[in-house]
Every structure is written in C-alpha cells, then in structure tokens.
Amino acid sequence: MKKVDIAHVAKAARVSTTTVSRVINRVPTVSAENQRRVQSAIRQLGYRPNPSAQRLASGKAKPTLGLIIPRFEGIFHSHYALQVVKGCGIAAERLRCDLLLHVANGKASDLPPSVNGVIFADLFGCEELLDRIVDDRLPVVVLNHYLEELPVTCVAIDNRTAAEHVVAYLVRLGHRDIATITGDLKVQAGLDRLDGFMKAMKARQLPVRDEYVRFGDFGLPSARAAAEALLALKERPTAIFVASDDMALETINVALEKRLRVPEELSIVGFDDIPSAATARVPLTTVRQPLSEMGRRGLELLFQQINSKPRHPTKLLLPTELIERGSCQQTWLDR
C-alpha cells in the first residue's frame, strides 16, 4: 500500500498541509471545524504522525518561518527584496529561527509547506494567498502594505508623509512648478506617494496642473516616456518628484540628453536611496526608507505571534529620511 502522508490527510480534510500540521501539534488557533475534519481524515486514512513533525510542539526544534516574496521581473536584482531578506535574516539568526524563502505567484495553493508562520515581503498579487492564511489562522505579518481594516499585523513605510516632506523641501528651495512621475498605482506605495504629493501641494495652495502628473509603473520605459512628456511642455516644471530612484535616474538621463542642466535648470528627487543614487553622474537627492529594519521588525512580530499569541494585531508605519545630494538646488525662475 502507498504510505499515507500529511498531504493525503490535507486533501481528504480539504484543508492545507499547514493546518494538518497545526492540528497534529495541538496548536489552539485552528478552528473547531478544521480540527474535526483533520482528525476525521486521520482516523479514516490510518495516518500516524512522524515524531519529528511533533518536535516543535515539545520545544525540541526551531520554528520555521516562511518569507513570501511576490514574483516580479528582476526580483533577484531588486534592492527592495535584498534589503527585506537581509532584515528578516538578521532577526531570524538572533531568534534562532529557520527562514524559508518562497517566491510566490500569489495563488491560494502557493503556500510554503511545514511553516509555523508567514511573512509577506509585499502583498501585491498575493491577496488570495493572504485570505487563505488568515482563514487557516496561521500567524502572519505583511510588510510594505498598511492593512487598516484587516485584523492582520503589518509593518509599512510612511510613504504619504515622505512625499509631503519632499514637497516641503522643494518649496523651501523656491520651487512652485513641481511635477511628479508616479509609481504603479496598483501598488499601495505608489498610490500613497501620489496622495502625499497632492496633499502637500494643496496645503500650500500650489496648483497641480494635469500635465504635471505623469503616470509610471516603477519601470524605466515608463519613466522615460513621462520625463520626455514633461520636458516637452512649453512651461516645463522646475522640479520633479519621481516615485523611485531607478525612475529618477532615468529622468536625469532624459534631461541631460536634452541639454538641460541638473540641478541648475531642473531639480529632481527620487525615492528609495538605492546604492547607485549616491554615485550617479548627478548624485540623487532621495528618500531613504528603512527596508532592512522593516524586515527585521516584521519577523520579530511574527515570532512574537507564534510564541505569545498577542490579542490584537500590531500596525506600524516606519518613518523615512530625506537625503540631500546634488540633484536639487534653489530656483531663481520667476514666472
């Protein structure tokens, strides 16, 4: 006969393998209905749990935490992903956890096996998977996405306030005709940066012309198209806030190709503080976001969930820092 394993039990009970593991290990957060179905399937199939699968419950094994990174182009060259993994890794080493890196497509079935908790590096495209994890009552933390309504712990960057600070900085330099190139507005960070920009401009009674808001997607082609459109205007902006450093550096490239001097004729601010921002041919003024700290704190909160079962989810917004370099200066243009 074919050996019965945990996957057979999960299929018979119509639950995830993680839920079966949690029932076997007597984790109390599994719903009564799921417990009943798993126990019934175990009896029907004659499944006998492997003793090694129960070591965690007796405190003899380290917890395994799954870090889910949504699949996107260039993921293994991403400054964001590298910094989040670094922060999670630092915390996992200190807390003596095993960290399982899982690149996911976001489907509900795309759950890493045999983990005691899950941390999302971002939520984009993984909403269905998060719903399943919440339904299974598996400890979970979401990074880079502030979930105000859902009862889920999250750690995110305060993108709105960061964008407001950028506008305030440019206004102090004398800029009034300020444009923006957005990130992908399907991503919370992209939408929040645009919201912060608009709010800060309106608070200072500065008009935002429709043609001064150009929509990008965090990719270089979209940045180039947006920059070319802005710089072709009869009354072009004196400053541009760009929603990522990669896009901001491409905007500088476009400006220099058009023989515009940066920052003498055009000030540009980015967002991220990637390593190349400081060494570019025009060193980029940008917003530094604490990505490694976000990963570290997220994993620490996940570890706390597994061990102490907090009654209410924690929701953190981490502050940013404006890094002044050579891509901005005071404007003397008077229109």
C-alpha atoms as a PDB file:
ATOM      1  CA  MET A   1       0.000   0.000   0.000  1.00  0.00           C
ATOM      2  CA  LYS A   2       1.060   3.561  -0.640  1.00  0.00           C
ATOM      3  CA  LYS A   3       2.257   5.276   2.505  1.00  0.00           C
ATOM      4  CA  VAL A   4      -0.198   7.857   3.838  1.00  0.00           C
ATOM      5  CA  ASP A   5       1.411  11.230   4.458  1.00  0.00           C
ATOM      6  CA  ILE A   6       0.302  14.665   5.577  1.00  0.00           C
ATOM      7  CA  ALA A   7      -0.627  15.690   2.033  1.00  0.00           C
ATOM      8  CA  HIS A   8      -3.163  12.836   1.811  1.00  0.00           C
ATOM      9  CA  VAL A   9      -4.714  13.944   5.104  1.00  0.00           C
ATOM     10  CA  ALA A  10      -4.906  17.572   3.912  1.00  0.00           C
ATOM     11  CA  LYS A  11      -6.621  16.533   0.666  1.00  0.00           C
ATOM     12  CA  ALA A  12      -9.155  14.335   2.472  1.00  0.00           C
ATOM     13  CA  ALA A  13      -9.924  17.060   5.019  1.00  0.00           C
ATOM     14  CA  ARG A  14      -9.993  19.815   2.349  1.00  0.00           C
ATOM     15  CA  VAL A  15      -7.501  21.961   4.268  1.00  0.00           C
ATOM     16  CA  SER A  16      -3.863  22.972   3.833  1.00  0.00           C
ATOM     17  CA  THR A  17      -0.931  20.823   4.956  1.00  0.00           C
ATOM     18  CA  THR A  18      -0.087  23.621   7.376  1.00  0.00           C
ATOM     19  CA  THR A  19      -3.484  23.252   9.044  1.00  0.00           C
ATOM     20  CA  VAL A  20      -2.943  19.484   9.382  1.00  0.00           C
ATOM     21  CA  SER A  21       0.467  20.106  10.943  1.00  0.00           C
ATOM     22  CA  ARG A  22      -1.022  22.585  13.403  1.00  0.00           C
ATOM     23  CA  VAL A  23      -3.746  20.125  14.421  1.00  0.00           C
ATOM     24  CA  ILE A  24      -1.138  17.384  14.934  1.00  0.00           C
ATOM     25  CA  ASN A  25       0.934  19.747  17.059  1.00  0.00           C
ATOM     26  CA  ARG A  26      -2.145  20.817  19.050  1.00  0.00           C
ATOM     27  CA  VAL A  27      -1.869  24.482  18.097  1.00  0.00           C
ATOM     28  CA  PRO A  28      -5.002  26.059  19.635  1.00  0.00           C
ATOM     29  CA  THR A  29      -5.702  28.659  16.914  1.00  0.00           C
ATOM     30  CA  VAL A  30      -7.112  26.119  14.426  1.00  0.00           C
ATOM     31  CA  SER A  31     -10.884  26.389  14.142  1.00  0.00           C
ATOM     32  CA  ALA A  32     -13.016  23.664  15.689  1.00  0.00           C
ATOM     33  CA  GLU A  33     -14.409  22.704  12.284  1.00  0.00           C
ATOM     34  CA  ASN A  34     -10.953  22.285  10.739  1.00  0.00           C
ATOM     35  CA  GLN A  35      -9.805  20.280  13.770  1.00  0.00           C
ATOM     36  CA  ARG A  36     -12.795  17.966  13.384  1.00  0.00           C
ATOM     37  CA  ARG A  37     -12.171  17.438   9.662  1.00  0.00           C
ATOM     38  CA  VAL A  38      -8.450  16.781  10.102  1.00  0.00           C
ATOM     39  CA  GLN A  39      -8.967  14.332  12.976  1.00  0.00           C
ATOM     40  CA  SER A  40     -11.657  12.530  10.994  1.00  0.00           C
ATOM     41  CA  ALA A  41      -9.341  12.223   7.973  1.00  0.00           C
ATOM     42  CA  ILE A  42      -6.503  10.921  10.176  1.00  0.00           C
ATOM     43  CA  ARG A  43      -8.776   8.187  11.540  1.00  0.00           C
ATOM     44  CA  GLN A  44     -10.164   7.228   8.132  1.00  0.00           C
ATOM     45  CA  LEU A  45      -6.743   7.039   6.481  1.00  0.00           C
ATOM     46  CA  GLY A  46      -4.967   5.468   9.433  1.00  0.00           C
ATOM     47  CA  TYR A  47      -2.311   8.178   9.347  1.00  0.00           C
ATOM     48  CA  ARG A  48       0.397   8.067  12.004  1.00  0.00           C
ATOM     49  CA  PRO A  49       2.254  11.364  12.550  1.00  0.00           C
ATOM     50  CA  ASN A  50       6.007  11.292  12.212  1.00  0.00           C
ATOM     51  CA  PRO A  51       7.545  12.042  15.629  1.00  0.00           C
ATOM     52  CA  SER A  52       9.839  14.600  14.009  1.00  0.00           C
ATOM     53  CA  ALA A  53       6.776  16.552  12.902  1.00  0.00           C
ATOM     54  CA  GLN A  54       5.828  16.983  16.539  1.00  0.00           C
ATOM     55  CA  ARG A  55       9.166  18.158  17.886  1.00  0.00           C
ATOM     56  CA  LEU A  56       8.279  21.808  17.592  1.00  0.00           C
ATOM     57  CA  ALA A  57       5.294  21.383  19.878  1.00  0.00           C
ATOM     58  CA  SER A  58       7.540  19.897  22.547  1.00  0.00           C
ATOM     59  CA  GLY A  59      10.106  22.691  22.156  1.00  0.00           C
ATOM     60  CA  LYS A  60      12.807  20.490  20.639  1.00  0.00           C
ATOM     61  CA  ALA A  61      13.006  22.126  17.228  1.00  0.00           C
ATOM     62  CA  LYS A  62      13.385  25.643  15.912  1.00  0.00           C
ATOM     63  CA  PRO A  63      10.317  27.292  14.353  1.00  0.00           C
ATOM     64  CA  THR A  64      10.354  27.620  10.581  1.00  0.00           C
ATOM     65  CA  LEU A  65       9.114  30.942   9.213  1.00  0.00           C
ATOM     66  CA  GLY A  66       8.189  31.402   5.563  1.00  0.00           C
ATOM     67  CA  LEU A  67       9.201  34.646   3.835  1.00  0.00           C
ATOM     68  CA  ILE A  68       6.968  35.045   0.776  1.00  0.00           C
ATOM     69  CA  ILE A  69       8.223  37.362  -1.965  1.00  0.00           C
ATOM     70  CA  PRO A  70       5.731  38.062  -4.766  1.00  0.00           C
ATOM     71  CA  ARG A  71       7.215  37.123  -8.132  1.00  0.00           C
ATOM     72  CA  PHE A  72       8.134  40.116 -10.292  1.00  0.00           C
ATOM     73  CA  GLU A  73      10.618  40.870 -13.062  1.00  0.00           C
ATOM     74  CA  GLY A  74      14.144  41.434 -11.762  1.00  0.00           C
ATOM     75  CA  ILE A  75      13.353  40.058  -8.327  1.00  0.00           C
ATOM     76  CA  PHE A  76      16.873  38.732  -7.740  1.00  0.00           C
ATOM     77  CA  HIS A  77      18.400  42.116  -8.601  1.00  0.00           C
ATOM     78  CA  SER A  78      15.925  44.105  -6.523  1.00  0.00           C
ATOM     79  CA  HIS A  79      17.330  46.442  -3.857  1.00  0.00           C
ATOM     80  CA  TYR A  80      13.989  46.201  -2.076  1.00  0.00           C
ATOM     81  CA  ALA A  81      13.962  42.396  -1.931  1.00  0.00           C
ATOM     82  CA  LEU A  82      17.608  42.173  -0.885  1.00  0.00           C
ATOM     83  CA  GLN A  83      17.129  44.606   1.992  1.00  0.00           C
ATOM     84  CA  VAL A  84      13.967  42.899   3.250  1.00  0.00           C
ATOM     85  CA  VAL A  85      15.660  39.487   3.133  1.00  0.00           C
ATOM     86  CA  LYS A  86      18.653  40.967   4.960  1.00  0.00           C
ATOM     87  CA  GLY A  87      16.465  42.349   7.762  1.00  0.00           C
ATOM     88  CA  CYS A  88      14.484  39.143   8.132  1.00  0.00           C
ATOM     89  CA  GLY A  89      17.699  37.126   8.115  1.00  0.00           C
ATOM     90  CA  ILE A  90      19.246  39.216  10.896  1.00  0.00           C
ATOM     91  CA  ALA A  91      16.181  38.726  13.083  1.00  0.00           C
ATOM     92  CA  ALA A  92      15.907  35.005  12.289  1.00  0.00           C
ATOM     93  CA  GLU A  93      19.528  34.435  13.255  1.00  0.00           C
ATOM     94  CA  ARG A  94      19.114  36.298  16.538  1.00  0.00           C
ATOM     95  CA  LEU A  95      15.880  34.492  17.395  1.00  0.00           C
ATOM     96  CA  ARG A  96      17.252  31.122  16.222  1.00  0.00           C
ATOM     97  CA  CYS A  97      14.543  30.531  13.640  1.00  0.00           C
ATOM     98  CA  ASP A  98      14.774  28.768  10.312  1.00  0.00           C
ATOM     99  CA  LEU A  99      13.862  31.133   7.467  1.00  0.00           C
ATOM    100  CA  LEU A 100      12.347  29.629   4.324  1.00  0.00           C
ATOM    101  CA  LEU A 101      12.452  31.950   1.291  1.00  0.00           C
ATOM    102  CA  HIS A 102       9.490  31.338  -1.006  1.00  0.00           C
ATOM    103  CA  VAL A 103       8.936  33.163  -4.307  1.00  0.00           C
ATOM    104  CA  ALA A 104       5.198  33.037  -4.916  1.00  0.00           C
ATOM    105  CA  ASN A 105       2.747  33.705  -7.713  1.00  0.00           C
ATOM    106  CA  GLY A 106       0.107  34.585  -5.149  1.00  0.00           C
ATOM    107  CA  LYS A 107      -2.352  31.729  -5.637  1.00  0.00           C
ATOM    108  CA  ALA A 108      -4.132  30.338  -2.592  1.00  0.00           C
ATOM    109  CA  SER A 109      -2.429  26.984  -3.177  1.00  0.00           C
ATOM    110  CA  ASP A 110       1.021  28.606  -3.266  1.00  0.00           C
ATOM    111  CA  LEU A 111       1.714  28.258   0.466  1.00  0.00           C
ATOM    112  CA  PRO A 112       5.155  27.081   1.632  1.00  0.00           C
ATOM    113  CA  PRO A 113       4.830  23.721   3.402  1.00  0.00           C
ATOM    114  CA  SER A 114       5.519  22.996   7.049  1.00  0.00           C
ATOM    115  CA  VAL A 115       5.950  26.554   8.293  1.00  0.00           C
ATOM    116  CA  ASN A 116       4.848  27.914  11.660  1.00  0.00           C
ATOM    117  CA  GLY A 117       4.202  31.421  10.393  1.00  0.00           C
ATOM    118  CA  VAL A 118       4.371  33.523   7.238  1.00  0.00           C
ATOM    119  CA  ILE A 119       5.750  36.973   6.475  1.00  0.00           C
ATOM    120  CA  PHE A 120       4.909  38.675   3.173  1.00  0.00           C
ATOM    121  CA  ALA A 121       7.634  40.895   1.699  1.00  0.00           C
ATOM    122  CA  ASP A 122       4.776  42.682  -0.080  1.00  0.00           C
ATOM    123  CA  LEU A 123       1.137  41.926  -0.717  1.00  0.00           C
ATOM    124  CA  PHE A 124       0.917  42.816  -4.408  1.00  0.00           C
ATOM    125  CA  GLY A 125      -0.723  39.892  -6.214  1.00  0.00           C
ATOM    126  CA  CYS A 126      -0.896  37.767  -3.056  1.00  0.00           C
ATOM    127  CA  GLU A 127      -4.263  38.845  -1.667  1.00  0.00           C
ATOM    128  CA  GLU A 128      -5.844  35.445  -2.299  1.00  0.00           C
ATOM    129  CA  LEU A 129      -2.980  33.690  -0.528  1.00  0.00           C
ATOM    130  CA  LEU A 130      -3.290  36.038   2.457  1.00  0.00           C
ATOM    131  CA  ASP A 131      -7.025  35.267   2.709  1.00  0.00           C
ATOM    132  CA  ARG A 132      -6.270  31.569   2.899  1.00  0.00           C
ATOM    133  CA  ILE A 133      -3.620  32.054   5.583  1.00  0.00           C
ATOM    134  CA  VAL A 134      -5.989  34.185   7.661  1.00  0.00           C
ATOM    135  CA  ASP A 135      -8.733  31.553   7.272  1.00  0.00           C
ATOM    136  CA  ASP A 136      -6.278  28.880   8.447  1.00  0.00           C
ATOM    137  CA  ARG A 137      -5.339  31.084  11.425  1.00  0.00           C
ATOM    138  CA  LEU A 138      -1.677  30.764  10.644  1.00  0.00           C
ATOM    139  CA  PRO A 139       0.414  33.553  12.226  1.00  0.00           C
ATOM    140  CA  VAL A 140       1.128  36.149   9.548  1.00  0.00           C
ATOM    141  CA  VAL A 141       2.780  39.565   9.085  1.00  0.00           C
ATOM    142  CA  VAL A 142       2.533  41.731   5.967  1.00  0.00           C
ATOM    143  CA  LEU A 143       5.332  44.140   5.017  1.00  0.00           C
ATOM    144  CA  ASN A 144       5.148  47.289   2.873  1.00  0.00           C
ATOM    145  CA  HIS A 145       1.360  47.329   2.930  1.00  0.00           C
ATOM    146  CA  TYR A 146      -0.680  49.020   5.667  1.00  0.00           C
ATOM    147  CA  LEU A 147      -3.834  46.975   6.262  1.00  0.00           C
ATOM    148  CA  GLU A 148      -6.088  49.294   8.208  1.00  0.00           C
ATOM    149  CA  GLU A 149      -9.234  47.173   8.096  1.00  0.00           C
ATOM    150  CA  LEU A 150      -7.949  43.584   8.202  1.00  0.00           C
ATOM    151  CA  PRO A 151      -7.052  42.056  11.599  1.00  0.00           C
ATOM    152  CA  VAL A 152      -3.506  41.371  10.412  1.00  0.00           C
ATOM    153  CA  THR A 153      -0.172  42.598  11.767  1.00  0.00           C
ATOM    154  CA  CYS A 154       1.640  44.819   9.263  1.00  0.00           C
ATOM    155  CA  VAL A 155       4.800  46.915   9.044  1.00  0.00           C
ATOM    156  CA  ALA A 156       4.925  49.537   6.298  1.00  0.00           C
ATOM    157  CA  ILE A 157       6.734  52.686   5.228  1.00  0.00           C
ATOM    158  CA  ASP A 158       5.051  56.061   5.808  1.00  0.00           C
ATOM    159  CA  ASN A 159       5.000  56.910   2.106  1.00  0.00           C
ATOM    160  CA  ARG A 160       2.436  59.715   2.365  1.00  0.00           C
ATOM    161  CA  THR A 161       4.400  61.703   4.929  1.00  0.00           C
ATOM    162  CA  ALA A 162       7.619  61.100   2.995  1.00  0.00           C
ATOM    163  CA  ALA A 163       6.086  62.596  -0.156  1.00  0.00           C
ATOM    164  CA  GLU A 164       4.803  65.570   1.845  1.00  0.00           C
ATOM    165  CA  HIS A 165       8.337  66.179   3.131  1.00  0.00           C
ATOM    166  CA  VAL A 166       9.676  66.132  -0.435  1.00  0.00           C
ATOM    167  CA  VAL A 167       7.217  68.831  -1.498  1.00  0.00           C
ATOM    168  CA  ALA A 168       8.036  70.929   1.585  1.00  0.00           C
ATOM    169  CA  TYR A 169      11.743  70.645   0.774  1.00  0.00           C
ATOM    170  CA  LEU A 170      11.284  71.733  -2.835  1.00  0.00           C
ATOM    171  CA  VAL A 171       9.082  74.636  -1.798  1.00  0.00           C
ATOM    172  CA  ARG A 172      11.779  75.796   0.627  1.00  0.00           C
ATOM    173  CA  LEU A 173      14.135  75.883  -2.357  1.00  0.00           C
ATOM    174  CA  GLY A 174      11.718  78.233  -4.103  1.00  0.00           C
ATOM    175  CA  HIS A 175      10.027  75.775  -6.453  1.00  0.00           C
ATOM    176  CA  ARG A 176       6.374  76.281  -7.283  1.00  0.00           C
ATOM    177  CA  ASP A 177       6.020  74.453 -10.607  1.00  0.00           C
ATOM    178  CA  ILE A 178       6.508  70.939  -9.274  1.00  0.00           C
ATOM    179  CA  ALA A 179       5.620  67.833 -11.260  1.00  0.00           C
ATOM    180  CA  THR A 180       5.544  64.180 -10.297  1.00  0.00           C
ATOM    181  CA  ILE A 181       6.131  60.859 -12.023  1.00  0.00           C
ATOM    182  CA  THR A 182       4.177  58.224 -10.126  1.00  0.00           C
ATOM    183  CA  GLY A 183       4.906  54.606  -9.431  1.00  0.00           C
ATOM    184  CA  ASP A 184       2.460  51.819 -10.172  1.00  0.00           C
ATOM    185  CA  LEU A 185      -0.831  52.963  -8.652  1.00  0.00           C
ATOM    186  CA  LYS A 186      -1.955  49.351  -8.232  1.00  0.00           C
ATOM    187  CA  VAL A 187       0.727  49.179  -5.528  1.00  0.00           C
ATOM    188  CA  GLN A 188      -0.059  50.854  -2.211  1.00  0.00           C
ATOM    189  CA  ALA A 189       3.343  52.565  -2.065  1.00  0.00           C
ATOM    190  CA  GLY A 190       2.810  54.147  -5.476  1.00  0.00           C
ATOM    191  CA  LEU A 191      -0.660  55.391  -4.584  1.00  0.00           C
ATOM    192  CA  ASP A 192       0.405  56.741  -1.181  1.00  0.00           C
ATOM    193  CA  ARG A 193       3.327  58.686  -2.657  1.00  0.00           C
ATOM    194  CA  LEU A 194       0.985  60.356  -5.127  1.00  0.00           C
ATOM    195  CA  ASP A 195      -1.553  61.081  -2.371  1.00  0.00           C
ATOM    196  CA  GLY A 196       1.139  62.671  -0.195  1.00  0.00           C
ATOM    197  CA  PHE A 197       2.359  64.798  -3.088  1.00  0.00           C
ATOM    198  CA  MET A 198      -1.152  66.052  -3.898  1.00  0.00           C
ATOM    199  CA  LYS A 199      -1.974  66.748  -0.262  1.00  0.00           C
ATOM    200  CA  ALA A 200       1.214  68.761   0.285  1.00  0.00           C
ATOM    201  CA  MET A 201       0.706  70.822  -2.866  1.00  0.00           C
ATOM    202  CA  LYS A 202      -2.901  71.634  -1.953  1.00  0.00           C
ATOM    203  CA  ALA A 203      -1.928  72.502   1.623  1.00  0.00           C
ATOM    204  CA  ARG A 204       0.398  75.186   0.194  1.00  0.00           C
ATOM    205  CA  GLN A 205      -2.230  76.349  -2.316  1.00  0.00           C
ATOM    206  CA  LEU A 206       0.023  75.359  -5.187  1.00  0.00           C
ATOM    207  CA  PRO A 207      -1.853  74.353  -8.335  1.00  0.00           C
ATOM    208  CA  VAL A 208      -1.202  70.879  -9.719  1.00  0.00           C
ATOM    209  CA  ARG A 209      -1.654  71.058 -13.466  1.00  0.00           C
ATOM    210  CA  ASP A 210      -2.986  67.882 -15.048  1.00  0.00           C
ATOM    211  CA  GLU A 211       0.011  67.707 -17.387  1.00  0.00           C
ATOM    212  CA  TYR A 212       2.358  67.841 -14.377  1.00  0.00           C
ATOM    213  CA  VAL A 213       1.139  64.443 -13.129  1.00  0.00           C
ATOM    214  CA  ARG A 214       2.599  61.644 -15.260  1.00  0.00           C
ATOM    215  CA  PHE A 215       1.876  58.017 -14.524  1.00  0.00           C
ATOM    216  CA  GLY A 216       4.669  55.468 -14.349  1.00  0.00           C
ATOM    217  CA  ASP A 217       4.912  51.875 -13.173  1.00  0.00           C
ATOM    218  CA  PHE A 218       8.338  51.874 -11.446  1.00  0.00           C
ATOM    219  CA  GLY A 219       9.918  50.725 -14.741  1.00  0.00           C
ATOM    220  CA  LEU A 220      12.474  52.632 -16.809  1.00  0.00           C
ATOM    221  CA  PRO A 221      10.436  52.821 -20.052  1.00  0.00           C
ATOM    222  CA  SER A 222       7.524  54.456 -18.230  1.00  0.00           C
ATOM    223  CA  ALA A 223       9.907  56.925 -16.557  1.00  0.00           C
ATOM    224  CA  ARG A 224      11.492  57.868 -19.881  1.00  0.00           C
ATOM    225  CA  ALA A 225       8.117  58.429 -21.543  1.00  0.00           C
ATOM    226  CA  ALA A 226       6.885  60.529 -18.615  1.00  0.00           C
ATOM    227  CA  ALA A 227      10.076  62.610 -18.442  1.00  0.00           C
ATOM    228  CA  GLU A 228      10.051  63.307 -22.176  1.00  0.00           C
ATOM    229  CA  ALA A 229       6.426  64.465 -21.964  1.00  0.00           C
ATOM    230  CA  LEU A 230       7.148  66.785 -19.035  1.00  0.00           C
ATOM    231  CA  LEU A 231      10.253  68.300 -20.571  1.00  0.00           C
ATOM    232  CA  ALA A 232       8.487  68.895 -23.880  1.00  0.00           C
ATOM    233  CA  LEU A 233       5.941  71.206 -22.242  1.00  0.00           C
ATOM    234  CA  LYS A 234       6.048  74.870 -23.164  1.00  0.00           C
ATOM    235  CA  GLU A 235       6.059  75.698 -19.460  1.00  0.00           C
ATOM    236  CA  ARG A 236       8.043  72.834 -18.051  1.00  0.00           C
ATOM    237  CA  PRO A 237       8.341  72.243 -14.300  1.00  0.00           C
ATOM    238  CA  THR A 238      11.353  73.444 -12.352  1.00  0.00           C
ATOM    239  CA  ALA A 239      11.303  70.328 -10.154  1.00  0.00           C
ATOM    240  CA  ILE A 240      10.097  66.741 -10.446  1.00  0.00           C
ATOM    241  CA  PHE A 241       9.352  64.307  -7.627  1.00  0.00           C
ATOM    242  CA  VAL A 242       9.823  60.780  -9.000  1.00  0.00           C
ATOM    243  CA  ALA A 243       8.391  57.791  -7.128  1.00  0.00           C
ATOM    244  CA  SER A 244      11.537  55.625  -7.307  1.00  0.00           C
ATOM    245  CA  ASP A 245      15.279  56.112  -7.684  1.00  0.00           C
ATOM    246  CA  ASP A 246      15.501  53.966 -10.802  1.00  0.00           C
ATOM    247  CA  MET A 247      12.897  56.157 -12.476  1.00  0.00           C
ATOM    248  CA  ALA A 248      14.511  59.347 -11.131  1.00  0.00           C
ATOM    249  CA  LEU A 249      17.926  58.407 -12.550  1.00  0.00           C
ATOM    250  CA  GLU A 250      16.294  57.723 -15.913  1.00  0.00           C
ATOM    251  CA  THR A 251      14.605  61.138 -15.687  1.00  0.00           C
ATOM    252  CA  ILE A 252      18.024  62.725 -15.151  1.00  0.00           C
ATOM    253  CA  ASN A 253      19.298  60.862 -18.210  1.00  0.00           C
ATOM    254  CA  VAL A 254      16.473  62.289 -20.317  1.00  0.00           C
ATOM    255  CA  ALA A 255      17.106  65.813 -19.024  1.00  0.00           C
ATOM    256  CA  LEU A 256      20.826  65.642 -19.783  1.00  0.00           C
ATOM    257  CA  GLU A 257      20.131  64.265 -23.248  1.00  0.00           C
ATOM    258  CA  LYS A 258      18.007  67.371 -23.850  1.00  0.00           C
ATOM    259  CA  ARG A 259      20.935  69.519 -22.667  1.00  0.00           C
ATOM    260  CA  LEU A 260      19.127  70.611 -19.535  1.00  0.00           C
ATOM    261  CA  ARG A 261      21.408  71.162 -16.558  1.00  0.00           C
ATOM    262  CA  VAL A 262      20.554  69.249 -13.387  1.00  0.00           C
ATOM    263  CA  PRO A 263      20.099  70.811 -10.878  1.00  0.00           C
ATOM    264  CA  GLU A 264      20.654  74.305 -12.322  1.00  0.00           C
ATOM    265  CA  GLU A 265      17.634  74.155 -14.627  1.00  0.00           C
ATOM    266  CA  LEU A 266      15.759  71.188 -13.212  1.00  0.00           C
ATOM    267  CA  SER A 267      15.678  69.698  -9.698  1.00  0.00           C
ATOM    268  CA  ILE A 268      14.853  66.020  -9.295  1.00  0.00           C
ATOM    269  CA  VAL A 269      14.042  63.980  -6.170  1.00  0.00           C
ATOM    270  CA  GLY A 270      13.787  60.192  -6.076  1.00  0.00           C
ATOM    271  CA  PHE A 271      12.616  57.626  -3.568  1.00  0.00           C
ATOM    272  CA  ASP A 272      14.417  54.522  -2.143  1.00  0.00           C
ATOM    273  CA  ASP A 273      18.107  55.506  -1.745  1.00  0.00           C
ATOM    274  CA  ILE A 274      19.447  52.631  -3.805  1.00  0.00           C
ATOM    275  CA  PRO A 275      23.278  52.280  -3.825  1.00  0.00           C
ATOM    276  CA  SER A 276      23.674  53.862  -7.281  1.00  0.00           C
ATOM    277  CA  ALA A 277      21.817  57.016  -6.173  1.00  0.00           C
ATOM    278  CA  ALA A 278      24.922  58.332  -4.400  1.00  0.00           C
ATOM    279  CA  THR A 279      27.346  57.512  -7.218  1.00  0.00           C
ATOM    280  CA  ALA A 280      25.311  58.608 -10.249  1.00  0.00           C
ATOM    281  CA  ARG A 281      26.752  61.307 -12.538  1.00  0.00           C
ATOM    282  CA  VAL A 282      24.327  63.641 -10.775  1.00  0.00           C
ATOM    283  CA  PRO A 283      24.143  62.350  -7.187  1.00  0.00           C
ATOM    284  CA  LEU A 284      20.456  61.940  -6.433  1.00  0.00           C
ATOM    285  CA  THR A 285      18.542  63.640  -3.643  1.00  0.00           C
ATOM    286  CA  THR A 286      16.143  60.982  -2.446  1.00  0.00           C
ATOM    287  CA  VAL A 287      14.043  59.488   0.325  1.00  0.00           C
ATOM    288  CA  ARG A 288      15.736  56.735   2.319  1.00  0.00           C
ATOM    289  CA  GLN A 289      13.285  54.111   3.541  1.00  0.00           C
ATOM    290  CA  PRO A 290      14.258  51.658   6.313  1.00  0.00           C
ATOM    291  CA  LEU A 291      13.726  48.445   4.354  1.00  0.00           C
ATOM    292  CA  SER A 292      16.066  46.245   6.389  1.00  0.00           C
ATOM    293  CA  GLU A 293      14.507  47.495   9.618  1.00  0.00           C
ATOM    294  CA  MET A 294      11.043  46.776   8.216  1.00  0.00           C
ATOM    295  CA  GLY A 295      12.064  43.164   7.535  1.00  0.00           C
ATOM    296  CA  ARG A 296      13.674  42.788  10.949  1.00  0.00           C
ATOM    297  CA  ARG A 297      10.740  44.190  12.883  1.00  0.00           C
ATOM    298  CA  GLY A 298       8.238  42.224  10.826  1.00  0.00           C
ATOM    299  CA  LEU A 299       9.945  38.925  11.576  1.00  0.00           C
ATOM    300  CA  GLU A 300      10.237  39.795  15.265  1.00  0.00           C
ATOM    301  CA  LEU A 301       6.489  40.463  15.386  1.00  0.00           C
ATOM    302  CA  LEU A 302       5.802  37.157  13.649  1.00  0.00           C
ATOM    303  CA  PHE A 303       7.962  35.336  16.186  1.00  0.00           C
ATOM    304  CA  GLN A 304       6.003  37.027  19.000  1.00  0.00           C
ATOM    305  CA  GLN A 305       2.731  35.874  17.463  1.00  0.00           C
ATOM    306  CA  ILE A 306       3.900  32.282  17.406  1.00  0.00           C
ATOM    307  CA  ASN A 307       5.133  32.355  20.987  1.00  0.00           C
ATOM    308  CA  SER A 308       2.867  34.723  22.911  1.00  0.00           C
ATOM    309  CA  LYS A 309      -0.319  34.931  20.802  1.00  0.00           C
ATOM    310  CA  PRO A 310      -0.996  38.709  21.110  1.00  0.00           C
ATOM    311  CA  ARG A 311      -4.701  39.511  21.321  1.00  0.00           C
ATOM    312  CA  HIS A 312      -4.628  42.384  18.825  1.00  0.00           C
ATOM    313  CA  PRO A 313      -2.640  42.842  15.602  1.00  0.00           C
ATOM    314  CA  THR A 314       0.198  45.371  15.581  1.00  0.00           C
ATOM    315  CA  LYS A 315       0.274  48.008  12.854  1.00  0.00           C
ATOM    316  CA  LEU A 316       3.481  50.008  12.346  1.00  0.00           C
ATOM    317  CA  LEU A 317       4.364  52.856   9.985  1.00  0.00           C
ATOM    318  CA  LEU A 318       8.112  53.465   9.821  1.00  0.00           C
ATOM    319  CA  PRO A 319       9.481  56.981   9.191  1.00  0.00           C
ATOM    320  CA  THR A 320      11.767  57.894   6.292  1.00  0.00           C
ATOM    321  CA  GLU A 321      14.704  60.277   5.878  1.00  0.00           C
ATOM    322  CA  LEU A 322      15.321  62.838   3.128  1.00  0.00           C
ATOM    323  CA  ILE A 323      18.893  62.520   1.834  1.00  0.00           C
ATOM    324  CA  GLU A 324      20.152  65.714   0.190  1.00  0.00           C
ATOM    325  CA  ARG A 325      22.674  65.306  -2.626  1.00  0.00           C
ATOM    326  CA  GLY A 326      23.366  67.121  -5.873  1.00  0.00           C
ATOM    327  CA  SER A 327      20.184  66.866  -7.926  1.00  0.00           C
ATOM    328  CA  CYS A 328      18.338  69.789  -6.321  1.00  0.00           C
ATOM    329  CA  GLN A 329      19.095  73.442  -5.803  1.00  0.00           C
ATOM    330  CA  GLN A 330      17.329  76.719  -5.183  1.00  0.00           C
ATOM    331  CA  THR A 331      15.458  78.082  -8.169  1.00  0.00           C
ATOM    332  CA  TRP A 332      15.540  81.692  -9.272  1.00  0.00           C
ATOM    333  CA  LEU A 333      12.959  81.314 -12.030  1.00  0.00           C
ATOM    334  CA  ASP A 334      10.105  83.800 -11.764  1.00  0.00           C
ATOM    335  CA  ARG A 335       7.134  83.076 -13.917  1.00  0.00           C
END
